[in-house]
Amino acid sequence: MIAIKKILVATDLSNQSVPAIAYAISLAKDHAAEVIIVHTLSAKVLKPSSDAYLSGGVGSSEGVASIPIARQPSVENLFQSRKQVLRSFLEQNIAPELLRGVQITLLVRLGKVVDEIVSAAREEQADVIVMTSQASSLWRMFRRSFIERTIRRSPCPVLTILPSAEIRTDKDERVPIKLMDKWAA
């Protein structure tokens, strides 16, 4: 028998990621598993914008390194802020009764999306990764490359969910995954 104890689900905090999160939580309930929700920030969020710097300095000549005039938020504050955004996203999009009784760990990581999903799966010893696959053509090409690279590099199985997919409910009915009313908050 297969043991599923940790389920990692990746989110970009879009509405399209809600079915994957809800499916992962539902799966976790069936297996008494922990859900690890990972959101990745680009390293670009740490780079100051060009208008936050002033060339030169007091008593300096041209060509001297820029001096920051705007203080950048600390990495720790940034991570805590994004965790709160992630927590709010869950509360707004997932029904409280679905969240009850499931251990959920929120991870915010910094780096390249695929690298961070795969690293988190390894570090957390995830048994499965759940991701949403998009339906629009341009986004599908972009997203598919993330999913395909994740599948190729993943240390565990990857379950992808199309927004148009149908699932079986506990009442033995087949319904579109996006219409699962028990998932909506």
N, C-alpha and C. Protein backbone atom coordinates (compact mmCIF):
# COMPACT_ATOMS: atom_id res chain seq x y z
N MET A 1 0.84 -1.19 0.00
CA MET A 1 0.00 0.00 0.00
C MET A 1 0.88 1.25 0.00
N ILE A 2 0.46 2.25 -0.70
CA ILE A 2 1.19 3.51 -0.79
C ILE A 2 0.85 4.38 0.42
N ALA A 3 1.88 4.92 1.04
CA ALA A 3 1.67 5.83 2.17
C ALA A 3 1.91 7.26 1.70
N ILE A 4 0.91 8.08 1.89
CA ILE A 4 1.04 9.50 1.57
C ILE A 4 0.96 10.26 2.88
N LYS A 5 2.08 10.82 3.30
CA LYS A 5 2.15 11.55 4.57
C LYS A 5 2.36 13.04 4.39
N LYS A 6 2.97 13.43 3.26
CA LYS A 6 3.22 14.85 2.99
C LYS A 6 2.89 15.16 1.54
N ILE A 7 2.04 16.17 1.38
CA ILE A 7 1.62 16.60 0.04
C ILE A 7 2.06 18.04 -0.14
N LEU A 8 2.87 18.28 -1.15
CA LEU A 8 3.32 19.63 -1.43
C LEU A 8 2.48 20.19 -2.57
N VAL A 9 1.96 21.39 -2.40
CA VAL A 9 1.18 22.02 -3.46
C VAL A 9 1.77 23.40 -3.72
N ALA A 10 2.01 23.66 -5.00
CA ALA A 10 2.60 24.94 -5.41
C ALA A 10 1.49 25.91 -5.78
N THR A 11 1.66 27.17 -5.39
CA THR A 11 0.69 28.19 -5.74
C THR A 11 1.38 29.48 -6.15
N ASP A 12 0.76 30.14 -7.12
CA ASP A 12 1.20 31.48 -7.52
C ASP A 12 0.21 32.52 -6.99
N LEU A 13 -0.68 32.09 -6.11
CA LEU A 13 -1.72 32.92 -5.49
C LEU A 13 -2.77 33.38 -6.49
N SER A 14 -2.93 32.66 -7.58
CA SER A 14 -3.97 32.97 -8.56
C SER A 14 -5.19 32.09 -8.29
N ASN A 15 -6.33 32.50 -8.81
CA ASN A 15 -7.55 31.69 -8.66
C ASN A 15 -7.40 30.33 -9.33
N GLN A 16 -6.55 30.25 -10.35
CA GLN A 16 -6.34 28.97 -11.02
C GLN A 16 -5.64 27.95 -10.13
N SER A 17 -4.95 28.39 -9.10
CA SER A 17 -4.27 27.45 -8.21
C SER A 17 -5.18 26.92 -7.11
N VAL A 18 -6.37 27.49 -6.94
CA VAL A 18 -7.29 27.06 -5.89
C VAL A 18 -7.68 25.58 -6.01
N PRO A 19 -8.04 25.08 -7.22
CA PRO A 19 -8.38 23.65 -7.30
C PRO A 19 -7.25 22.72 -6.85
N ALA A 20 -6.01 23.07 -7.16
CA ALA A 20 -4.88 22.23 -6.73
C ALA A 20 -4.75 22.24 -5.21
N ILE A 21 -4.90 23.40 -4.60
CA ILE A 21 -4.81 23.50 -3.14
C ILE A 21 -5.93 22.70 -2.49
N ALA A 22 -7.14 22.90 -2.99
CA ALA A 22 -8.29 22.20 -2.42
C ALA A 22 -8.18 20.69 -2.62
N TYR A 23 -7.72 20.27 -3.78
CA TYR A 23 -7.55 18.84 -4.05
C TYR A 23 -6.50 18.25 -3.11
N ALA A 24 -5.41 18.97 -2.92
CA ALA A 24 -4.35 18.50 -2.03
C ALA A 24 -4.87 18.37 -0.59
N ILE A 25 -5.67 19.34 -0.15
CA ILE A 25 -6.22 19.29 1.20
C ILE A 25 -7.19 18.12 1.33
N SER A 26 -8.04 17.93 0.32
CA SER A 26 -8.98 16.82 0.34
C SER A 26 -8.24 15.47 0.36
N LEU A 27 -7.20 15.36 -0.45
CA LEU A 27 -6.38 14.16 -0.48
C LEU A 27 -5.70 13.93 0.87
N ALA A 28 -5.24 15.01 1.48
CA ALA A 28 -4.59 14.91 2.79
C ALA A 28 -5.56 14.39 3.85
N LYS A 29 -6.80 14.83 3.78
CA LYS A 29 -7.80 14.34 4.74
C LYS A 29 -7.99 12.83 4.61
N ASP A 30 -8.02 12.34 3.37
CA ASP A 30 -8.20 10.90 3.13
C ASP A 30 -7.02 10.07 3.62
N HIS A 31 -5.82 10.67 3.66
CA HIS A 31 -4.61 9.95 4.03
C HIS A 31 -4.00 10.41 5.35
N ALA A 32 -4.70 11.27 6.07
CA ALA A 32 -4.17 11.85 7.32
C ALA A 32 -2.77 12.42 7.08
N ALA A 33 -2.63 13.16 6.01
CA ALA A 33 -1.34 13.71 5.59
C ALA A 33 -1.26 15.20 5.89
N GLU A 34 -0.04 15.70 5.90
CA GLU A 34 0.23 17.12 6.04
C GLU A 34 0.26 17.75 4.65
N VAL A 35 -0.24 18.98 4.53
CA VAL A 35 -0.18 19.72 3.28
C VAL A 35 0.84 20.84 3.45
N ILE A 36 1.77 20.90 2.53
CA ILE A 36 2.79 21.95 2.53
C ILE A 36 2.50 22.82 1.31
N ILE A 37 2.13 24.06 1.55
CA ILE A 37 1.81 24.97 0.46
C ILE A 37 3.01 25.88 0.25
N VAL A 38 3.57 25.84 -0.96
CA VAL A 38 4.77 26.60 -1.25
C VAL A 38 4.47 27.69 -2.29
N HIS A 39 4.94 28.88 -1.98
CA HIS A 39 4.83 30.03 -2.88
C HIS A 39 6.25 30.58 -3.07
N THR A 40 6.64 30.75 -4.32
CA THR A 40 8.01 31.20 -4.62
C THR A 40 8.02 32.65 -5.07
N LEU A 41 8.93 33.40 -4.48
CA LEU A 41 9.16 34.79 -4.88
C LEU A 41 10.40 34.84 -5.77
N SER A 42 10.35 35.67 -6.77
CA SER A 42 11.50 35.88 -7.63
C SER A 42 12.56 36.65 -6.86
N ALA A 43 13.81 36.38 -7.14
CA ALA A 43 14.91 37.11 -6.50
C ALA A 43 14.85 38.60 -6.86
N LYS A 44 14.12 38.94 -7.90
CA LYS A 44 13.99 40.34 -8.32
C LYS A 44 13.34 41.20 -7.24
N VAL A 45 12.57 40.60 -6.34
CA VAL A 45 11.91 41.41 -5.30
C VAL A 45 12.93 42.02 -4.34
N LEU A 46 14.13 41.48 -4.31
CA LEU A 46 15.17 42.02 -3.43
C LEU A 46 16.03 43.08 -4.10
N LYS A 47 15.93 43.17 -5.42
CA LYS A 47 16.73 44.15 -6.14
C LYS A 47 16.05 45.51 -6.04
N PRO A 48 16.78 46.51 -5.63
CA PRO A 48 16.18 47.84 -5.54
C PRO A 48 15.92 48.40 -6.93
N SER A 49 14.90 49.20 -7.04
CA SER A 49 14.62 49.83 -8.33
C SER A 49 15.63 50.95 -8.55
N SER A 50 15.84 51.32 -9.80
CA SER A 50 16.85 52.32 -10.12
C SER A 50 16.52 53.69 -9.53
N ASP A 51 15.23 53.98 -9.32
CA ASP A 51 14.89 55.28 -8.77
C ASP A 51 15.06 55.34 -7.25
N ALA A 52 15.41 54.21 -6.64
CA ALA A 52 15.63 54.20 -5.20
C ALA A 52 17.07 54.56 -4.85
N TYR A 53 17.86 54.85 -5.86
CA TYR A 53 19.27 55.17 -5.64
C TYR A 53 19.58 56.57 -6.15
N LEU A 54 20.57 57.17 -5.54
CA LEU A 54 21.02 58.50 -5.91
C LEU A 54 22.49 58.37 -6.29
N SER A 55 22.85 58.84 -7.46
CA SER A 55 24.25 58.76 -7.87
C SER A 55 25.11 59.70 -7.04
N GLY A 56 26.32 59.25 -6.82
CA GLY A 56 27.27 60.09 -6.08
C GLY A 56 26.93 60.16 -4.61
N GLY A 57 27.48 61.10 -3.97
CA GLY A 57 27.22 61.27 -2.56
C GLY A 57 27.78 62.61 -2.12
N VAL A 58 27.67 62.90 -0.86
CA VAL A 58 28.17 64.16 -0.34
C VAL A 58 29.67 64.21 -0.53
N GLY A 59 30.14 65.23 -1.22
CA GLY A 59 31.58 65.41 -1.43
C GLY A 59 32.19 64.43 -2.39
N SER A 60 31.38 63.72 -3.15
CA SER A 60 31.95 62.74 -4.07
C SER A 60 31.94 63.27 -5.49
N SER A 61 32.72 62.64 -6.32
CA SER A 61 32.77 63.04 -7.72
C SER A 61 31.95 62.06 -8.55
N GLU A 62 31.73 62.40 -9.80
CA GLU A 62 30.98 61.50 -10.68
C GLU A 62 31.69 60.17 -10.78
N GLY A 63 30.88 59.13 -10.98
CA GLY A 63 31.44 57.79 -11.12
C GLY A 63 31.54 57.04 -9.81
N VAL A 64 31.24 57.68 -8.70
CA VAL A 64 31.27 56.99 -7.41
C VAL A 64 30.02 56.13 -7.32
N ALA A 65 30.13 55.01 -6.68
CA ALA A 65 29.02 54.07 -6.55
C ALA A 65 27.77 54.74 -6.01
N SER A 66 26.63 54.22 -6.41
CA SER A 66 25.34 54.75 -5.96
C SER A 66 25.16 54.53 -4.47
N ILE A 67 24.43 55.44 -3.87
CA ILE A 67 24.12 55.36 -2.44
C ILE A 67 22.61 55.17 -2.32
N PRO A 68 22.19 54.14 -1.62
CA PRO A 68 20.76 53.94 -1.50
C PRO A 68 20.12 55.06 -0.68
N ILE A 69 18.98 55.56 -1.18
CA ILE A 69 18.26 56.57 -0.41
C ILE A 69 16.96 56.01 0.15
N ALA A 70 16.55 54.86 -0.37
CA ALA A 70 15.36 54.20 0.15
C ALA A 70 15.78 52.88 0.75
N ARG A 71 15.34 52.61 1.93
CA ARG A 71 15.71 51.38 2.61
C ARG A 71 14.84 50.22 2.13
N GLN A 72 15.46 49.13 1.76
CA GLN A 72 14.72 47.96 1.31
C GLN A 72 14.22 47.17 2.52
N PRO A 73 13.03 46.54 2.40
CA PRO A 73 12.54 45.74 3.52
C PRO A 73 13.46 44.55 3.76
N SER A 74 13.55 44.10 5.00
CA SER A 74 14.41 42.96 5.29
C SER A 74 13.80 41.71 4.67
N VAL A 75 14.65 40.75 4.40
CA VAL A 75 14.19 39.49 3.81
C VAL A 75 13.19 38.82 4.75
N GLU A 76 13.49 38.83 6.04
CA GLU A 76 12.59 38.20 7.01
C GLU A 76 11.21 38.87 7.00
N ASN A 77 11.18 40.19 6.95
CA ASN A 77 9.89 40.90 6.88
C ASN A 77 9.14 40.56 5.60
N LEU A 78 9.88 40.46 4.50
CA LEU A 78 9.28 40.12 3.22
C LEU A 78 8.64 38.73 3.29
N PHE A 79 9.36 37.76 3.86
CA PHE A 79 8.84 36.40 3.97
C PHE A 79 7.61 36.36 4.87
N GLN A 80 7.66 37.05 6.01
CA GLN A 80 6.52 37.07 6.92
C GLN A 80 5.32 37.73 6.27
N SER A 81 5.55 38.79 5.54
CA SER A 81 4.47 39.48 4.83
C SER A 81 3.83 38.56 3.80
N ARG A 82 4.64 37.86 3.03
CA ARG A 82 4.10 36.95 2.00
C ARG A 82 3.39 35.75 2.63
N LYS A 83 3.87 35.29 3.78
CA LYS A 83 3.18 34.20 4.48
C LYS A 83 1.78 34.65 4.90
N GLN A 84 1.68 35.90 5.35
CA GLN A 84 0.38 36.43 5.74
C GLN A 84 -0.53 36.55 4.52
N VAL A 85 0.02 36.98 3.39
CA VAL A 85 -0.76 37.05 2.14
C VAL A 85 -1.23 35.64 1.76
N LEU A 86 -0.36 34.66 1.88
CA LEU A 86 -0.70 33.27 1.57
C LEU A 86 -1.80 32.76 2.51
N ARG A 87 -1.67 33.06 3.79
CA ARG A 87 -2.68 32.67 4.78
C ARG A 87 -4.04 33.30 4.44
N SER A 88 -4.04 34.58 4.10
CA SER A 88 -5.27 35.28 3.72
C SER A 88 -5.87 34.68 2.44
N PHE A 89 -5.01 34.35 1.49
CA PHE A 89 -5.47 33.73 0.25
C PHE A 89 -6.22 32.43 0.54
N LEU A 90 -5.66 31.62 1.43
CA LEU A 90 -6.33 30.37 1.82
C LEU A 90 -7.68 30.65 2.47
N GLU A 91 -7.71 31.56 3.42
CA GLU A 91 -8.95 31.88 4.14
C GLU A 91 -10.03 32.40 3.20
N GLN A 92 -9.63 33.14 2.17
CA GLN A 92 -10.60 33.71 1.23
C GLN A 92 -11.07 32.71 0.17
N ASN A 93 -10.28 31.70 -0.11
CA ASN A 93 -10.59 30.81 -1.23
C ASN A 93 -10.92 29.37 -0.87
N ILE A 94 -10.64 28.96 0.34
CA ILE A 94 -10.90 27.58 0.75
C ILE A 94 -11.87 27.60 1.93
N ALA A 95 -12.91 26.78 1.84
CA ALA A 95 -13.93 26.75 2.88
C ALA A 95 -13.32 26.32 4.22
N PRO A 96 -13.75 26.96 5.31
CA PRO A 96 -13.21 26.62 6.64
C PRO A 96 -13.36 25.14 7.00
N GLU A 97 -14.47 24.53 6.59
CA GLU A 97 -14.67 23.10 6.93
C GLU A 97 -13.68 22.20 6.20
N LEU A 98 -13.19 22.63 5.04
CA LEU A 98 -12.17 21.85 4.35
C LEU A 98 -10.82 22.00 5.04
N LEU A 99 -10.55 23.18 5.57
CA LEU A 99 -9.28 23.44 6.25
C LEU A 99 -9.19 22.75 7.62
N ARG A 100 -10.34 22.53 8.25
CA ARG A 100 -10.35 21.93 9.58
C ARG A 100 -9.80 20.51 9.58
N GLY A 101 -8.99 20.22 10.55
CA GLY A 101 -8.49 18.87 10.73
C GLY A 101 -7.30 18.49 9.86
N VAL A 102 -6.73 19.44 9.14
CA VAL A 102 -5.58 19.16 8.28
C VAL A 102 -4.41 20.04 8.72
N GLN A 103 -3.26 19.41 8.90
CA GLN A 103 -2.07 20.18 9.23
C GLN A 103 -1.56 20.83 7.95
N ILE A 104 -1.49 22.16 7.96
CA ILE A 104 -1.03 22.91 6.79
C ILE A 104 0.19 23.72 7.18
N THR A 105 1.25 23.57 6.40
CA THR A 105 2.48 24.32 6.59
C THR A 105 2.64 25.26 5.40
N LEU A 106 2.88 26.52 5.68
CA LEU A 106 3.07 27.51 4.62
C LEU A 106 4.56 27.78 4.43
N LEU A 107 5.01 27.68 3.20
CA LEU A 107 6.41 27.97 2.87
C LEU A 107 6.47 29.09 1.84
N VAL A 108 7.30 30.06 2.09
CA VAL A 108 7.59 31.09 1.11
C VAL A 108 9.08 30.95 0.81
N ARG A 109 9.39 30.81 -0.46
CA ARG A 109 10.77 30.60 -0.86
C ARG A 109 11.18 31.66 -1.87
N LEU A 110 12.46 31.85 -1.98
CA LEU A 110 13.03 32.86 -2.86
C LEU A 110 13.90 32.18 -3.89
N GLY A 111 13.62 32.41 -5.17
CA GLY A 111 14.44 31.82 -6.22
C GLY A 111 13.63 31.52 -7.46
N LYS A 112 14.12 30.58 -8.25
CA LYS A 112 13.44 30.15 -9.47
C LYS A 112 12.36 29.14 -9.08
N VAL A 113 11.20 29.30 -9.68
CA VAL A 113 10.02 28.53 -9.28
C VAL A 113 10.29 27.03 -9.27
N VAL A 114 10.73 26.47 -10.37
CA VAL A 114 10.93 25.02 -10.45
C VAL A 114 11.98 24.56 -9.45
N ASP A 115 13.09 25.27 -9.36
CA ASP A 115 14.15 24.91 -8.41
C ASP A 115 13.61 24.86 -6.99
N GLU A 116 12.80 25.85 -6.64
CA GLU A 116 12.29 25.93 -5.27
C GLU A 116 11.23 24.89 -4.98
N ILE A 117 10.39 24.56 -5.96
CA ILE A 117 9.39 23.50 -5.76
C ILE A 117 10.09 22.17 -5.55
N VAL A 118 11.06 21.87 -6.40
CA VAL A 118 11.79 20.60 -6.30
C VAL A 118 12.60 20.54 -5.01
N SER A 119 13.26 21.63 -4.64
CA SER A 119 14.03 21.67 -3.38
C SER A 119 13.13 21.49 -2.17
N ALA A 120 11.99 22.16 -2.19
CA ALA A 120 11.04 22.03 -1.07
C ALA A 120 10.53 20.60 -0.97
N ALA A 121 10.24 19.97 -2.11
CA ALA A 121 9.77 18.58 -2.10
C ALA A 121 10.83 17.65 -1.51
N ARG A 122 12.09 17.89 -1.86
CA ARG A 122 13.18 17.07 -1.30
C ARG A 122 13.35 17.31 0.20
N GLU A 123 13.46 18.59 0.57
CA GLU A 123 13.69 18.94 1.97
C GLU A 123 12.56 18.49 2.88
N GLU A 124 11.34 18.61 2.41
CA GLU A 124 10.17 18.25 3.21
C GLU A 124 9.81 16.77 3.08
N GLN A 125 10.51 16.06 2.20
CA GLN A 125 10.26 14.65 1.90
C GLN A 125 8.80 14.43 1.49
N ALA A 126 8.36 15.25 0.55
CA ALA A 126 6.99 15.15 0.04
C ALA A 126 6.78 13.83 -0.68
N ASP A 127 5.58 13.30 -0.54
CA ASP A 127 5.22 12.05 -1.21
C ASP A 127 4.57 12.30 -2.57
N VAL A 128 4.03 13.50 -2.75
CA VAL A 128 3.41 13.88 -4.02
C VAL A 128 3.38 15.41 -4.10
N ILE A 129 3.50 15.93 -5.32
CA ILE A 129 3.36 17.37 -5.59
C ILE A 129 2.07 17.54 -6.38
N VAL A 130 1.27 18.53 -6.00
CA VAL A 130 0.03 18.83 -6.73
C VAL A 130 0.16 20.23 -7.33
N MET A 131 -0.15 20.33 -8.63
CA MET A 131 -0.06 21.61 -9.34
C MET A 131 -1.26 21.75 -10.27
N THR A 132 -1.65 22.99 -10.55
CA THR A 132 -2.70 23.25 -11.53
C THR A 132 -2.06 23.51 -12.88
N SER A 133 -2.63 22.91 -13.90
CA SER A 133 -2.21 23.17 -15.27
C SER A 133 -3.22 24.11 -15.88
N GLN A 134 -2.74 25.19 -16.49
CA GLN A 134 -3.63 26.22 -17.05
C GLN A 134 -4.22 25.79 -18.37
N ALA A 135 -5.29 26.48 -18.78
CA ALA A 135 -5.98 26.13 -20.02
C ALA A 135 -5.74 27.11 -21.17
N SER A 136 -5.41 28.37 -20.90
CA SER A 136 -5.23 29.33 -21.99
C SER A 136 -3.95 29.02 -22.77
N SER A 137 -3.94 29.35 -24.07
CA SER A 137 -2.85 28.90 -24.94
C SER A 137 -1.48 29.48 -24.58
N LEU A 138 -1.36 30.80 -24.46
CA LEU A 138 -0.06 31.40 -24.15
C LEU A 138 0.38 31.02 -22.74
N TRP A 139 -0.52 31.14 -21.79
CA TRP A 139 -0.17 30.80 -20.42
C TRP A 139 0.14 29.32 -20.31
N ARG A 140 -0.58 28.49 -21.08
CA ARG A 140 -0.35 27.05 -21.03
C ARG A 140 1.07 26.72 -21.46
N MET A 141 1.57 27.39 -22.52
CA MET A 141 2.95 27.14 -22.96
C MET A 141 3.93 27.51 -21.86
N PHE A 142 3.72 28.67 -21.25
CA PHE A 142 4.61 29.14 -20.18
C PHE A 142 4.51 28.22 -18.96
N ARG A 143 3.30 27.93 -18.55
CA ARG A 143 3.07 27.11 -17.37
C ARG A 143 3.51 25.67 -17.61
N ARG A 144 3.23 25.17 -18.83
CA ARG A 144 3.60 23.79 -19.12
C ARG A 144 5.09 23.59 -18.93
N SER A 145 5.89 24.59 -19.30
CA SER A 145 7.33 24.43 -19.13
C SER A 145 7.68 24.29 -17.65
N PHE A 146 6.96 25.02 -16.78
CA PHE A 146 7.18 24.85 -15.33
C PHE A 146 6.80 23.44 -14.90
N ILE A 147 5.64 23.00 -15.35
CA ILE A 147 5.15 21.68 -14.95
C ILE A 147 6.05 20.58 -15.50
N GLU A 148 6.41 20.67 -16.76
CA GLU A 148 7.27 19.64 -17.35
C GLU A 148 8.63 19.58 -16.66
N ARG A 149 9.21 20.75 -16.37
CA ARG A 149 10.50 20.77 -15.68
C ARG A 149 10.37 20.23 -14.26
N THR A 150 9.25 20.53 -13.62
CA THR A 150 9.02 20.01 -12.26
C THR A 150 8.90 18.49 -12.30
N ILE A 151 8.14 17.97 -13.26
CA ILE A 151 7.97 16.52 -13.39
C ILE A 151 9.31 15.84 -13.62
N ARG A 152 10.11 16.40 -14.52
CA ARG A 152 11.41 15.79 -14.83
C ARG A 152 12.37 15.77 -13.66
N ARG A 153 12.29 16.79 -12.79
CA ARG A 153 13.26 16.92 -11.70
C ARG A 153 12.73 16.50 -10.34
N SER A 154 11.46 16.22 -10.26
CA SER A 154 10.83 15.94 -8.97
C SER A 154 11.30 14.63 -8.34
N PRO A 155 11.48 14.64 -7.02
CA PRO A 155 11.86 13.41 -6.32
C PRO A 155 10.65 12.52 -6.02
N CYS A 156 9.44 12.97 -6.40
CA CYS A 156 8.21 12.22 -6.11
C CYS A 156 7.21 12.42 -7.25
N PRO A 157 6.12 11.66 -7.26
CA PRO A 157 5.11 11.85 -8.31
C PRO A 157 4.53 13.27 -8.30
N VAL A 158 4.13 13.73 -9.48
CA VAL A 158 3.52 15.06 -9.63
C VAL A 158 2.13 14.86 -10.22
N LEU A 159 1.14 15.39 -9.52
CA LEU A 159 -0.24 15.32 -9.97
C LEU A 159 -0.62 16.69 -10.51
N THR A 160 -0.98 16.75 -11.79
CA THR A 160 -1.40 18.03 -12.38
C THR A 160 -2.91 17.99 -12.59
N ILE A 161 -3.54 19.12 -12.36
CA ILE A 161 -4.99 19.22 -12.45
C ILE A 161 -5.36 20.31 -13.44
N LEU A 162 -6.14 19.95 -14.43
CA LEU A 162 -6.69 20.94 -15.36
C LEU A 162 -7.92 21.58 -14.72
N PRO A 163 -8.12 22.87 -14.92
CA PRO A 163 -9.33 23.51 -14.37
C PRO A 163 -10.62 22.90 -14.91
N SER A 164 -10.56 22.24 -16.06
CA SER A 164 -11.75 21.62 -16.66
C SER A 164 -11.96 20.17 -16.20
N ALA A 165 -11.08 19.65 -15.35
CA ALA A 165 -11.16 18.26 -14.91
C ALA A 165 -12.43 18.01 -14.10
N GLU A 166 -12.87 16.76 -14.13
CA GLU A 166 -13.99 16.34 -13.30
C GLU A 166 -13.47 15.44 -12.19
N ILE A 167 -14.10 15.52 -11.04
CA ILE A 167 -13.72 14.66 -9.92
C ILE A 167 -14.96 13.96 -9.38
N ARG A 168 -14.74 12.88 -8.66
CA ARG A 168 -15.83 12.14 -8.03
C ARG A 168 -15.97 12.64 -6.59
N THR A 169 -17.19 12.96 -6.22
CA THR A 169 -17.45 13.43 -4.86
C THR A 169 -17.71 12.24 -3.95
N ASP A 170 -17.80 12.51 -2.65
CA ASP A 170 -18.11 11.44 -1.70
C ASP A 170 -19.53 10.90 -1.88
N LYS A 171 -20.36 11.60 -2.67
CA LYS A 171 -21.72 11.14 -3.00
C LYS A 171 -21.73 10.39 -4.34
N ASP A 172 -20.54 10.07 -4.84
CA ASP A 172 -20.35 9.33 -6.09
C ASP A 172 -20.89 10.08 -7.31
N GLU A 173 -20.78 11.40 -7.27
CA GLU A 173 -21.16 12.24 -8.40
C GLU A 173 -19.89 12.77 -9.06
N ARG A 174 -19.95 12.97 -10.37
CA ARG A 174 -18.82 13.58 -11.08
C ARG A 174 -19.17 15.03 -11.34
N VAL A 175 -18.30 15.92 -10.86
CA VAL A 175 -18.53 17.36 -11.03
C VAL A 175 -17.23 18.01 -11.50
N PRO A 176 -17.36 19.13 -12.22
CA PRO A 176 -16.14 19.86 -12.61
C PRO A 176 -15.41 20.34 -11.35
N ILE A 177 -14.12 20.18 -11.36
CA ILE A 177 -13.31 20.53 -10.19
C ILE A 177 -13.49 21.99 -9.80
N LYS A 178 -13.64 22.87 -10.79
CA LYS A 178 -13.77 24.29 -10.48
C LYS A 178 -15.11 24.63 -9.84
N LEU A 179 -16.08 23.71 -9.91
CA LEU A 179 -17.39 23.97 -9.33
C LEU A 179 -17.60 23.32 -7.97
N MET A 180 -16.56 22.74 -7.43
CA MET A 180 -16.70 22.11 -6.11
C MET A 180 -17.05 23.16 -5.08
N ASP A 181 -18.34 23.25 -4.75
CA ASP A 181 -18.80 24.30 -3.84
C ASP A 181 -18.23 24.15 -2.44
N LYS A 182 -17.87 22.96 -2.01
CA LYS A 182 -17.32 22.82 -0.66
C LYS A 182 -15.91 23.42 -0.55
N TRP A 183 -15.29 23.71 -1.70
CA TRP A 183 -13.96 24.28 -1.69
C TRP A 183 -13.98 25.78 -1.59
N ALA A 184 -15.08 26.37 -2.01
CA ALA A 184 -15.16 27.83 -2.01
C ALA A 184 -15.43 28.33 -0.61
N ALA A 185 -14.77 29.39 -0.24
CA ALA A 185 -14.99 29.97 1.09
C ALA A 185 -16.21 30.86 1.08
